N, C-alpha and C. Protein backbone atom coordinates (compact mmCIF):
# COMPACT_ATOMS: atom_id res chain seq x y z
N MET A 1 16.31 -11.76 10.71
CA MET A 1 16.67 -12.36 9.41
C MET A 1 15.55 -11.29 8.57
N LYS A 2 14.89 -11.46 9.03
CA LYS A 2 13.92 -10.90 8.03
C LYS A 2 14.23 -9.27 7.74
N ARG A 3 15.00 -8.08 9.02
CA ARG A 3 14.75 -7.56 9.39
C ARG A 3 15.87 -6.83 8.31
N ILE A 4 17.13 -7.42 8.31
CA ILE A 4 18.00 -7.83 7.83
C ILE A 4 18.07 -7.08 6.34
N PHE A 5 17.07 -9.00 5.78
CA PHE A 5 16.61 -8.80 4.24
C PHE A 5 16.01 -7.85 3.63
N ASP A 6 14.86 -7.27 4.50
CA ASP A 6 14.08 -6.11 4.06
C ASP A 6 15.34 -5.15 3.74
N PHE A 7 16.02 -5.20 4.29
CA PHE A 7 16.40 -3.54 4.53
C PHE A 7 17.51 -3.40 3.52
N LEU A 8 18.09 -4.14 3.57
CA LEU A 8 19.15 -4.57 2.23
C LEU A 8 19.00 -4.71 0.88
N VAL A 9 17.67 -5.74 0.56
CA VAL A 9 17.10 -5.68 -0.92
C VAL A 9 16.62 -4.07 -1.00
N ALA A 10 15.44 -3.54 0.08
CA ALA A 10 14.89 -1.90 -0.22
C ALA A 10 16.42 -1.02 -0.69
N LEU A 11 17.52 -1.16 0.10
CA LEU A 11 18.39 -0.47 -0.60
C LEU A 11 19.07 -0.47 -1.42
N CYS A 12 19.26 -1.40 -1.97
CA CYS A 12 19.51 -2.30 -3.52
C CYS A 12 18.20 -1.62 -4.48
N ALA A 13 17.48 -1.22 -4.01
CA ALA A 13 15.91 -1.79 -4.93
C ALA A 13 16.14 -0.27 -5.20
N ILE A 14 16.32 0.91 -4.42
CA ILE A 14 16.57 2.05 -4.33
C ILE A 14 17.22 2.47 -5.51
N LEU A 15 18.94 1.73 -5.58
CA LEU A 15 19.77 2.09 -5.43
C LEU A 15 19.97 1.84 -7.30
N ILE A 16 18.90 0.45 -7.94
CA ILE A 16 18.80 0.03 -8.52
C ILE A 16 17.99 1.18 -9.74
N LEU A 17 16.92 1.31 -9.33
CA LEU A 17 16.20 2.03 -9.74
C LEU A 17 15.92 3.36 -9.61
N MET A 18 16.62 3.52 -9.52
CA MET A 18 16.88 5.25 -9.03
C MET A 18 16.44 6.13 -9.95
N PRO A 19 17.28 6.28 -11.03
CA PRO A 19 16.90 6.24 -12.73
C PRO A 19 15.74 6.68 -12.90
N ILE A 20 14.66 5.99 -12.44
CA ILE A 20 12.58 5.80 -12.74
C ILE A 20 12.02 5.71 -12.27
N ILE A 21 12.69 6.43 -10.32
CA ILE A 21 12.61 7.38 -8.93
C ILE A 21 12.53 8.84 -10.10
N VAL A 22 13.67 9.00 -10.39
CA VAL A 22 13.51 10.06 -10.74
C VAL A 22 13.20 10.87 -12.04
N ILE A 23 12.80 10.01 -13.22
CA ILE A 23 11.89 9.89 -13.86
C ILE A 23 10.64 10.48 -13.38
N VAL A 24 9.75 9.10 -12.99
CA VAL A 24 8.19 8.71 -11.95
C VAL A 24 8.32 10.81 -11.53
N ALA A 25 9.16 10.97 -10.52
CA ALA A 25 8.99 12.42 -9.36
C ALA A 25 9.19 13.51 -11.04
N VAL A 26 9.58 13.61 -11.69
CA VAL A 26 9.43 14.49 -12.49
C VAL A 26 7.95 14.87 -13.28
N LEU A 27 7.82 13.42 -14.33
CA LEU A 27 6.71 13.42 -14.16
C LEU A 27 5.84 13.48 -13.46
N ILE A 28 5.44 13.57 -12.32
CA ILE A 28 4.84 14.18 -11.30
C ILE A 28 4.25 15.21 -11.53
N HIS A 29 5.52 15.65 -10.76
CA HIS A 29 5.49 17.55 -10.73
C HIS A 29 5.10 18.77 -12.23
N PHE A 30 5.39 17.91 -13.69
CA PHE A 30 4.67 18.45 -14.95
C PHE A 30 3.12 18.26 -14.77
N LYS A 31 2.87 16.57 -14.35
CA LYS A 31 1.63 16.18 -14.57
C LYS A 31 0.52 16.61 -13.35
N LEU A 32 0.56 16.44 -11.65
CA LEU A 32 0.09 16.35 -11.11
C LEU A 32 0.42 17.46 -10.19
N GLY A 33 1.37 17.97 -9.76
CA GLY A 33 2.05 19.72 -9.51
C GLY A 33 2.76 19.35 -7.74
N SER A 34 2.93 20.13 -7.76
CA SER A 34 3.77 19.84 -5.95
C SER A 34 2.50 19.47 -5.20
N PRO A 35 2.84 19.32 -3.90
CA PRO A 35 3.85 18.66 -3.84
C PRO A 35 3.96 16.62 -4.84
N ILE A 36 5.25 15.94 -4.85
CA ILE A 36 5.52 14.84 -5.68
C ILE A 36 4.93 14.07 -5.01
N LEU A 37 4.97 13.88 -3.57
CA LEU A 37 4.68 12.95 -2.32
C LEU A 37 3.48 13.14 -1.83
N PHE A 38 2.85 11.94 -1.24
CA PHE A 38 1.86 11.94 -0.52
C PHE A 38 2.23 10.79 0.26
N THR A 39 2.23 11.66 1.54
CA THR A 39 2.40 10.99 3.33
C THR A 39 1.20 11.42 4.09
N GLN A 40 0.62 9.91 4.33
CA GLN A 40 -0.28 10.16 5.87
C GLN A 40 0.37 9.00 5.91
N ALA A 41 -0.47 9.53 7.81
CA ALA A 41 -0.19 8.78 9.38
C ALA A 41 -0.62 6.78 8.99
N ARG A 42 -0.44 6.42 8.73
CA ARG A 42 -1.05 5.08 9.10
C ARG A 42 -0.29 4.55 10.08
N PRO A 43 -0.77 3.34 11.09
CA PRO A 43 -0.93 2.26 12.13
C PRO A 43 0.56 1.54 11.48
N GLY A 44 1.27 1.30 11.98
CA GLY A 44 2.73 0.07 11.15
C GLY A 44 2.53 -0.94 13.44
N LEU A 45 3.39 -1.65 13.29
CA LEU A 45 3.44 -2.84 14.87
C LEU A 45 3.13 -2.08 15.85
N ASN A 46 2.16 -2.94 15.97
CA ASN A 46 1.68 -3.11 17.01
C ASN A 46 0.97 -1.23 17.43
N GLY A 47 0.44 -1.06 16.55
CA GLY A 47 -0.19 0.46 15.75
C GLY A 47 0.49 1.33 16.26
N LYS A 48 1.82 1.26 16.36
CA LYS A 48 2.21 2.62 16.40
C LYS A 48 2.20 3.36 14.86
N ILE A 49 1.69 4.93 14.63
CA ILE A 49 2.13 5.38 13.92
C ILE A 49 2.98 5.57 13.16
N PHE A 50 3.22 5.72 12.20
CA PHE A 50 4.04 5.98 11.28
C PHE A 50 3.71 7.05 9.65
N LYS A 51 4.99 7.64 9.75
CA LYS A 51 4.39 9.20 7.93
C LYS A 51 4.56 7.75 7.39
N MET A 52 3.69 7.21 6.05
CA MET A 52 3.80 6.81 5.17
C MET A 52 4.25 7.29 3.87
N MET A 53 5.30 7.34 2.80
CA MET A 53 5.35 7.98 1.70
C MET A 53 4.44 7.17 0.30
N LYS A 54 4.09 7.64 -0.66
CA LYS A 54 4.32 7.11 -2.02
C LYS A 54 4.36 8.87 -3.00
N PHE A 55 4.18 7.94 -4.08
CA PHE A 55 3.99 8.62 -5.08
C PHE A 55 2.16 9.52 -4.95
N ARG A 56 2.83 10.69 -5.44
CA ARG A 56 1.12 11.23 -5.68
C ARG A 56 0.78 10.26 -6.97
N THR A 57 -0.92 10.55 -6.93
CA THR A 57 -1.67 10.07 -8.16
C THR A 57 -2.67 10.55 -7.90
N MET A 58 -3.17 11.95 -7.41
CA MET A 58 -4.43 12.25 -7.72
C MET A 58 -4.09 13.88 -8.06
N LEU A 59 -5.16 14.13 -8.18
CA LEU A 59 -5.00 15.71 -7.85
C LEU A 59 -5.36 16.57 -6.41
N ASP A 60 -5.61 17.14 -6.37
CA ASP A 60 -6.43 18.06 -5.19
C ASP A 60 -7.48 18.91 -5.99
N THR A 61 -8.61 19.08 -6.56
CA THR A 61 -9.42 19.46 -7.16
C THR A 61 -10.23 19.22 -5.54
N LYS A 62 -10.97 20.61 -5.49
CA LYS A 62 -12.16 20.26 -4.61
C LYS A 62 -13.51 21.20 -5.14
N ASP A 63 -13.98 20.95 -3.89
CA ASP A 63 -15.60 21.51 -4.84
C ASP A 63 -16.05 23.07 -4.43
N GLU A 64 -16.70 23.26 -4.41
CA GLU A 64 -17.00 24.87 -3.88
C GLU A 64 -17.15 25.15 -2.57
N HIS A 65 -17.34 23.70 -1.88
CA HIS A 65 -17.32 24.49 -0.30
C HIS A 65 -15.49 24.04 0.23
N GLY A 66 -14.74 23.63 -0.90
CA GLY A 66 -13.85 23.13 -0.21
C GLY A 66 -13.04 22.11 -0.36
N ASN A 67 -14.26 20.92 0.39
CA ASN A 67 -14.49 19.63 0.28
C ASN A 67 -13.29 19.04 -1.42
N LEU A 68 -12.30 18.12 -0.73
CA LEU A 68 -11.50 17.26 -2.01
C LEU A 68 -12.88 16.54 -2.94
N LEU A 69 -12.95 16.57 -3.89
CA LEU A 69 -14.05 15.74 -4.81
C LEU A 69 -13.09 14.01 -4.69
N SER A 70 -14.07 13.16 -5.25
CA SER A 70 -13.78 11.48 -4.51
C SER A 70 -12.66 11.13 -5.12
N ASP A 71 -12.43 10.32 -5.18
CA ASP A 71 -11.31 9.44 -5.66
C ASP A 71 -11.11 9.54 -6.78
N ASP A 72 -12.42 8.90 -7.74
CA ASP A 72 -12.36 8.67 -9.09
C ASP A 72 -12.25 10.16 -9.75
N GLN A 73 -13.09 11.38 -9.18
CA GLN A 73 -12.56 12.74 -10.19
C GLN A 73 -11.35 13.06 -9.79
N ARG A 74 -10.47 12.47 -8.97
CA ARG A 74 -9.08 13.12 -8.79
C ARG A 74 -8.17 12.65 -9.73
N MET A 75 -8.50 11.20 -9.56
CA MET A 75 -7.69 10.22 -10.47
C MET A 75 -7.55 10.44 -12.39
N THR A 76 -6.39 10.72 -12.60
CA THR A 76 -5.70 11.11 -13.60
C THR A 76 -5.91 9.54 -14.40
N LYS A 77 -5.09 9.90 -15.44
CA LYS A 77 -5.14 8.22 -15.97
C LYS A 77 -3.43 8.30 -16.23
N PHE A 78 -3.10 9.38 -16.58
CA PHE A 78 -1.15 9.58 -15.51
C PHE A 78 -1.29 8.94 -14.14
N GLY A 79 -2.24 9.16 -13.26
CA GLY A 79 -2.21 8.51 -11.94
C GLY A 79 -2.52 7.13 -11.81
N GLY A 80 -3.61 6.71 -12.20
CA GLY A 80 -4.08 5.16 -12.70
C GLY A 80 -2.68 4.42 -13.44
N PHE A 81 -2.50 4.65 -14.02
CA PHE A 81 -1.13 3.61 -14.41
C PHE A 81 0.39 3.65 -14.02
N LEU A 82 0.54 5.09 -12.50
CA LEU A 82 1.41 4.51 -11.54
C LEU A 82 0.80 3.75 -10.57
N ARG A 83 -0.78 3.54 -10.40
CA ARG A 83 -0.96 2.71 -9.62
C ARG A 83 -1.01 0.98 -9.80
N SER A 84 -1.64 1.16 -11.26
CA SER A 84 -1.64 0.16 -12.11
C SER A 84 -0.25 -1.00 -11.90
N THR A 85 0.87 -0.19 -12.11
CA THR A 85 1.90 -0.55 -12.11
C THR A 85 3.18 -0.76 -10.93
N SER A 86 2.20 0.09 -9.77
CA SER A 86 2.80 0.06 -8.61
C SER A 86 4.24 0.63 -8.51
N LEU A 87 4.03 2.15 -9.14
CA LEU A 87 5.17 3.04 -9.43
C LEU A 87 4.97 4.12 -8.49
N ASP A 88 3.99 3.89 -7.97
CA ASP A 88 3.66 5.24 -7.00
C ASP A 88 4.12 4.59 -5.11
N GLU A 89 3.94 3.34 -5.58
CA GLU A 89 4.87 2.42 -3.90
C GLU A 89 6.49 2.57 -3.68
N LEU A 90 7.05 2.83 -5.05
CA LEU A 90 8.89 3.02 -4.39
C LEU A 90 9.33 3.98 -3.66
N PRO A 91 8.42 5.09 -3.51
CA PRO A 91 8.97 5.62 -1.75
C PRO A 91 8.76 4.35 -0.53
N GLY A 92 8.00 4.05 -0.66
CA GLY A 92 7.43 3.18 -0.11
C GLY A 92 9.04 2.57 0.79
N LEU A 93 9.94 2.02 -0.42
CA LEU A 93 11.41 1.35 0.28
C LEU A 93 12.01 2.43 1.63
N LEU A 94 11.63 3.13 1.22
CA LEU A 94 12.45 4.46 2.21
C LEU A 94 11.81 4.06 3.81
N ASN A 95 10.75 3.97 3.31
CA ASN A 95 10.05 3.56 5.06
C ASN A 95 10.31 1.52 5.45
N VAL A 96 10.48 0.82 3.86
CA VAL A 96 11.30 -0.32 4.80
C VAL A 96 12.83 -0.21 5.79
N ILE A 97 13.63 1.03 4.47
CA ILE A 97 14.57 1.51 5.48
C ILE A 97 14.94 1.71 7.07
N LYS A 98 14.23 2.84 6.70
CA LYS A 98 13.63 3.25 8.48
C LYS A 98 12.87 1.92 9.65
N GLY A 99 12.43 1.00 8.54
CA GLY A 99 12.35 -0.30 9.78
C GLY A 99 10.79 0.52 10.00
N ASP A 100 10.09 1.75 9.27
CA ASP A 100 8.62 1.28 9.88
C ASP A 100 8.02 0.18 8.94
N MET A 101 8.26 -0.01 8.27
CA MET A 101 7.44 -1.87 7.41
C MET A 101 8.67 -2.23 6.61
N SER A 102 7.82 -2.98 6.01
CA SER A 102 8.70 -4.34 5.65
C SER A 102 8.45 -4.64 4.22
N LEU A 103 8.75 -5.61 2.97
CA LEU A 103 8.84 -5.65 1.69
C LEU A 103 7.58 -6.66 2.62
N VAL A 104 7.80 -7.17 2.77
CA VAL A 104 5.84 -8.51 3.37
C VAL A 104 5.13 -8.20 4.08
N GLY A 105 4.12 -7.68 4.01
CA GLY A 105 3.35 -8.06 5.57
C GLY A 105 2.07 -7.50 4.67
N PRO A 106 0.41 -7.52 5.62
CA PRO A 106 0.18 -5.96 5.96
C PRO A 106 -0.05 -5.36 5.25
N ARG A 107 -0.90 -5.16 4.11
CA ARG A 107 -0.91 -3.80 4.38
C ARG A 107 -1.30 -1.77 4.95
N PRO A 108 -0.66 -1.42 5.30
CA PRO A 108 -1.15 -0.65 6.64
C PRO A 108 -2.17 0.49 6.24
N LEU A 109 -3.48 0.38 6.69
CA LEU A 109 -5.10 0.93 6.29
C LEU A 109 -4.34 2.18 7.56
N LEU A 110 -6.03 2.87 6.88
CA LEU A 110 -6.77 3.96 7.77
C LEU A 110 -5.85 4.03 9.24
N ILE A 111 -6.02 5.25 9.50
CA ILE A 111 -6.47 5.35 11.34
C ILE A 111 -7.82 4.33 12.03
N GLN A 112 -8.17 5.82 10.99
CA GLN A 112 -9.54 5.68 11.84
C GLN A 112 -10.34 4.39 11.31
N TYR A 113 -9.20 3.30 11.12
CA TYR A 113 -10.00 1.69 11.35
C TYR A 113 -9.38 1.31 12.10
N LEU A 114 -8.64 1.80 12.70
CA LEU A 114 -8.32 1.12 14.28
C LEU A 114 -9.57 0.80 15.14
N PRO A 115 -10.54 1.70 16.04
CA PRO A 115 -11.72 1.12 16.62
C PRO A 115 -12.59 0.42 15.83
N LEU A 116 -12.67 0.15 14.90
CA LEU A 116 -13.97 -0.76 14.00
C LEU A 116 -13.23 -2.40 13.75
N TYR A 117 -12.32 -2.44 14.20
CA TYR A 117 -11.57 -3.85 13.89
C TYR A 117 -12.07 -4.59 15.30
N SER A 118 -12.60 -6.36 14.21
CA SER A 118 -12.61 -6.73 15.38
C SER A 118 -11.21 -7.24 16.49
N GLN A 119 -11.16 -8.66 17.54
CA GLN A 119 -9.99 -9.27 17.62
C GLN A 119 -8.80 -9.79 16.97
N GLU A 120 -9.49 -10.42 16.24
CA GLU A 120 -9.24 -11.15 15.39
C GLU A 120 -8.69 -10.39 14.09
N GLN A 121 -8.94 -9.06 13.72
CA GLN A 121 -8.64 -8.42 12.60
C GLN A 121 -7.64 -7.53 12.32
N ALA A 122 -7.38 -7.19 14.19
CA ALA A 122 -6.69 -6.95 14.65
C ALA A 122 -5.25 -6.79 14.89
N ARG A 123 -4.96 -8.25 14.13
CA ARG A 123 -4.21 -8.99 14.28
C ARG A 123 -2.90 -8.97 13.66
N ARG A 124 -3.14 -8.03 12.67
CA ARG A 124 -2.55 -8.05 11.20
C ARG A 124 -1.97 -6.60 11.66
N HIS A 125 -1.73 -5.98 12.66
CA HIS A 125 -0.64 -5.70 13.52
C HIS A 125 0.14 -5.88 14.15
N ASP A 126 0.56 -7.43 14.55
CA ASP A 126 1.03 -8.10 14.51
C ASP A 126 2.73 -8.19 14.45
N VAL A 127 2.19 -8.29 13.04
CA VAL A 127 3.90 -7.57 12.49
C VAL A 127 3.76 -6.10 11.33
N ARG A 128 4.76 -6.06 11.13
CA ARG A 128 4.95 -4.87 10.47
C ARG A 128 4.55 -4.63 9.12
N PRO A 129 3.83 -3.73 8.48
CA PRO A 129 3.25 -3.23 7.32
C PRO A 129 3.66 -3.88 6.19
N GLY A 130 3.44 -3.97 5.16
CA GLY A 130 4.66 -4.16 4.07
C GLY A 130 4.13 -3.44 2.76
N ILE A 131 4.67 -3.15 1.82
CA ILE A 131 4.86 -2.82 0.80
C ILE A 131 4.19 -3.69 -0.34
N THR A 132 4.10 -4.57 -0.39
CA THR A 132 3.16 -6.07 -1.19
C THR A 132 2.44 -6.89 0.35
N GLY A 133 1.65 -7.98 0.23
CA GLY A 133 1.46 -8.72 1.19
C GLY A 133 0.62 -10.01 0.68
N TRP A 134 0.17 -11.11 1.48
CA TRP A 134 -0.91 -11.73 1.20
C TRP A 134 -1.37 -11.57 0.31
N ALA A 135 -2.30 -10.84 1.34
CA ALA A 135 -3.85 -10.38 0.42
C ALA A 135 -3.60 -9.86 -1.18
N GLN A 136 -2.88 -8.77 -1.30
CA GLN A 136 -2.30 -8.52 -2.33
C GLN A 136 -1.99 -9.39 -3.86
N VAL A 137 -2.09 -10.13 -3.16
CA VAL A 137 -1.09 -11.55 -4.46
C VAL A 137 -2.36 -12.22 -4.32
N ASN A 138 -3.34 -11.91 -3.70
CA ASN A 138 -4.84 -13.06 -3.85
C ASN A 138 -5.78 -12.47 -3.63
N GLY A 139 -6.31 -10.91 -4.50
CA GLY A 139 -7.00 -10.35 -4.89
C GLY A 139 -6.67 -9.11 -4.96
N ARG A 140 -6.12 -8.33 -3.98
CA ARG A 140 -6.17 -6.92 -4.23
C ARG A 140 -6.53 -6.00 -4.05
N ASN A 141 -7.35 -5.18 -3.75
CA ASN A 141 -8.66 -4.45 -3.81
C ASN A 141 -9.64 -4.97 -4.23
N ALA A 142 -9.95 -6.33 -5.51
CA ALA A 142 -11.04 -6.37 -5.62
C ALA A 142 -11.22 -7.28 -4.78
N ILE A 143 -11.41 -7.62 -3.60
CA ILE A 143 -11.81 -8.82 -3.01
C ILE A 143 -12.22 -8.12 -1.74
N SER A 144 -13.52 -8.57 -1.01
CA SER A 144 -14.32 -7.76 -0.08
C SER A 144 -12.74 -7.37 1.42
N TRP A 145 -13.69 -6.55 2.44
CA TRP A 145 -12.67 -6.43 3.44
C TRP A 145 -12.94 -7.80 4.36
N GLU A 146 -13.51 -8.57 4.84
CA GLU A 146 -13.55 -10.12 4.88
C GLU A 146 -12.65 -10.74 4.51
N GLU A 147 -12.45 -10.68 3.51
CA GLU A 147 -11.70 -11.67 3.03
C GLU A 147 -9.97 -10.97 3.03
N LYS A 148 -9.75 -9.82 3.16
CA LYS A 148 -9.10 -9.27 2.57
C LYS A 148 -7.76 -9.68 4.64
N PHE A 149 -8.59 -9.47 5.26
CA PHE A 149 -8.56 -9.51 6.34
C PHE A 149 -7.83 -11.26 7.62
N LYS A 150 -9.01 -11.90 6.62
CA LYS A 150 -9.06 -13.33 7.10
C LYS A 150 -7.41 -14.04 6.01
N LEU A 151 -7.28 -13.16 4.89
CA LEU A 151 -5.94 -13.26 4.36
C LEU A 151 -4.28 -12.82 5.25
N ASP A 152 -4.68 -11.45 5.57
CA ASP A 152 -3.98 -10.31 6.71
C ASP A 152 -3.65 -11.56 7.70
N VAL A 153 -4.27 -12.50 8.55
CA VAL A 153 -3.80 -12.92 9.73
C VAL A 153 -3.78 -14.59 9.49
N TRP A 154 -3.72 -14.74 8.38
CA TRP A 154 -3.65 -15.96 7.74
C TRP A 154 -1.65 -15.55 7.40
N TYR A 155 -1.36 -14.75 6.92
CA TYR A 155 -0.03 -14.36 7.04
C TYR A 155 0.32 -14.27 8.71
N VAL A 156 -0.05 -13.61 9.31
CA VAL A 156 0.68 -13.77 10.71
C VAL A 156 0.83 -14.60 11.54
N GLU A 157 0.06 -15.62 10.47
CA GLU A 157 0.01 -16.95 11.56
C GLU A 157 1.12 -18.07 10.56
N ASN A 158 1.66 -17.50 9.95
CA ASN A 158 1.98 -18.16 8.77
C ASN A 158 3.60 -17.84 8.42
N GLN A 159 3.76 -16.42 9.00
CA GLN A 159 5.32 -16.15 7.89
C GLN A 159 5.87 -16.30 8.33
N SER A 160 6.71 -16.69 6.86
CA SER A 160 8.14 -17.47 6.77
C SER A 160 8.89 -16.73 5.71
N PHE A 161 10.30 -16.35 5.69
CA PHE A 161 11.37 -15.89 4.34
C PHE A 161 10.92 -16.42 3.41
N LEU A 162 10.36 -18.75 3.83
CA LEU A 162 10.62 -18.64 2.17
C LEU A 162 8.91 -18.03 1.45
N LEU A 163 7.93 -18.10 2.47
CA LEU A 163 6.98 -17.28 2.42
C LEU A 163 7.24 -15.99 1.90
N ASP A 164 7.72 -15.01 2.16
CA ASP A 164 8.01 -13.88 2.31
C ASP A 164 8.65 -13.94 0.44
N ILE A 165 9.67 -14.87 -0.01
CA ILE A 165 9.62 -15.50 -1.07
C ILE A 165 9.21 -15.40 -1.92
N LYS A 166 7.87 -15.99 -1.76
CA LYS A 166 7.15 -16.67 -2.66
C LYS A 166 6.07 -15.01 -2.84
N ILE A 167 5.85 -14.39 -2.42
CA ILE A 167 4.78 -13.13 -2.17
C ILE A 167 5.57 -12.25 -2.77
N LEU A 168 6.22 -11.81 -2.94
CA LEU A 168 7.81 -11.11 -4.04
C LEU A 168 7.84 -11.85 -4.87
N PHE A 169 7.81 -13.01 -5.45
CA PHE A 169 7.62 -13.09 -7.38
C PHE A 169 6.39 -13.35 -7.52
N LEU A 170 5.54 -13.89 -6.57
CA LEU A 170 3.69 -13.11 -7.46
C LEU A 170 3.81 -11.60 -7.23
N THR A 171 3.81 -11.07 -6.66
CA THR A 171 3.58 -9.70 -6.46
C THR A 171 4.46 -8.59 -7.89
N VAL A 172 5.68 -9.37 -8.38
CA VAL A 172 6.40 -9.14 -9.40
C VAL A 172 5.05 -9.61 -11.13
N LYS A 173 4.67 -10.70 -10.99
CA LYS A 173 3.83 -11.09 -11.86
C LYS A 173 2.04 -10.31 -11.34
N LYS A 174 1.52 -10.46 -11.09
CA LYS A 174 1.07 -9.24 -9.81
C LYS A 174 0.94 -8.00 -10.74
N VAL A 175 2.02 -7.33 -11.37
CA VAL A 175 2.33 -5.96 -11.23
C VAL A 175 2.55 -6.04 -12.84
N PHE A 176 2.51 -6.99 -13.85
CA PHE A 176 2.70 -7.28 -14.59
C PHE A 176 1.66 -7.45 -15.55
N VAL A 177 0.84 -8.79 -15.01
CA VAL A 177 -1.09 -8.78 -15.53
C VAL A 177 -1.78 -7.46 -15.15
N ARG A 178 -1.29 -7.29 -13.67
CA ARG A 178 -2.01 -5.84 -13.44
C ARG A 178 -3.84 -6.10 -12.77
N GLU A 179 -3.76 -7.05 -11.88
CA GLU A 179 -5.38 -7.45 -11.68
C GLU A 179 -5.34 -6.95 -10.47
N GLY A 180 -6.94 -6.81 -10.22
CA GLY A 180 -7.13 -5.85 -8.63
C GLY A 180 -6.76 -4.71 -8.36
N ILE A 181 -6.68 -3.68 -9.58
CA ILE A 181 -5.91 -2.50 -9.28
C ILE A 181 -7.08 -1.89 -8.14
N SER A 182 -8.46 -2.14 -8.70
CA SER A 182 -9.04 -1.23 -7.70
C SER A 182 -10.81 -3.07 -7.44
N ALA A 183 -11.71 -1.82 -7.33
CA ALA A 183 -12.81 -3.04 -6.53
C ALA A 183 -13.36 -2.03 -7.48
N ASP A 184 -14.25 -2.77 -7.18
CA ASP A 184 -15.52 -2.89 -9.15
C ASP A 184 -16.53 -1.21 -8.52
N GLY A 185 -16.21 -0.81 -8.92
CA GLY A 185 -17.06 0.19 -8.81
C GLY A 185 -16.09 1.78 -8.54
N GLU A 186 -15.25 1.52 -8.23
CA GLU A 186 -14.31 2.33 -7.19
C GLU A 186 -12.59 2.88 -7.59
N ALA A 187 -12.08 3.92 -7.58
CA ALA A 187 -10.88 4.15 -8.42
C ALA A 187 -9.89 3.38 -7.26
N THR A 188 -10.13 2.91 -6.14
CA THR A 188 -9.69 2.65 -5.47
C THR A 188 -9.62 0.92 -4.49
N MET A 189 -10.52 2.17 -3.49
CA MET A 189 -10.95 0.71 -2.32
C MET A 189 -12.00 1.40 -1.33
N SER A 190 -13.53 0.98 -1.33
CA SER A 190 -14.01 1.73 -0.81
C SER A 190 -13.23 1.35 0.72
N LEU A 191 -14.17 1.91 1.30
CA LEU A 191 -14.35 2.70 2.88
C LEU A 191 -14.37 1.61 3.63
N PHE A 192 -13.50 1.01 4.36
CA PHE A 192 -14.08 -0.03 5.49
C PHE A 192 -14.78 0.53 6.49
N LYS A 193 -16.28 -0.28 6.25
CA LYS A 193 -17.00 0.89 8.02
C LYS A 193 -16.91 -0.06 8.95
N GLY A 194 -15.86 -1.28 9.51
CA GLY A 194 -16.46 -2.74 10.51
C GLY A 194 -16.99 -3.77 9.95
N SER A 195 -17.32 -4.30 10.78
CA SER A 195 -17.51 -5.87 10.85
C SER A 195 -18.97 -6.78 11.14
N ASP A 196 -19.39 -7.28 10.84
CA ASP A 196 -20.27 -7.75 10.96
C ASP A 196 -20.10 -8.47 12.90
N LYS A 197 -19.55 -8.65 12.55
CA LYS A 197 -18.26 -10.12 13.33
C LYS A 197 -17.04 -9.36 14.25
N LYS A 198 -18.19 -8.69 15.40
CA LYS A 198 -17.06 -8.53 16.14
C LYS A 198 -16.39 -9.72 17.56
């Protein structure tokens, strides 16, 4: 039921939001350049790697050694707007249609984090990752990694159709309020370096 719901809602959302998707894509092309999409390998269900898609929000500015500058140095006002309104997440609907992601579930994180999870934290991969999730409506990037993972595991243990509907409604509210977009002193979220409790 969850997979059918995800597919139908994602498909309808793409069709309804197509004018907005096109406008955002054109603005990114002129303001940030190409590529328009940001794709990155992320672990999904059972840790299987897939290509996550988002709209690009940062410049590709590099230092004199050819290394990318920090997120806060590459983030533009326009990119910040896309993140705060979650418009950058719209291409993720294609990941949902493909079956790589769900509308609701733990957010897919970096591959480099996989060996750093405790056994309990790794349970976040027992379900498909989501465009939004329980952690996103309870703090997003403004909470600690420990809190985020606890919320992810809580969702895994308590997932239901009604809970997903609740999270989707709360997500819409969060988008309008624009809370928890970034951690203190960060453009997005600080890197996860492992838990003290293994």
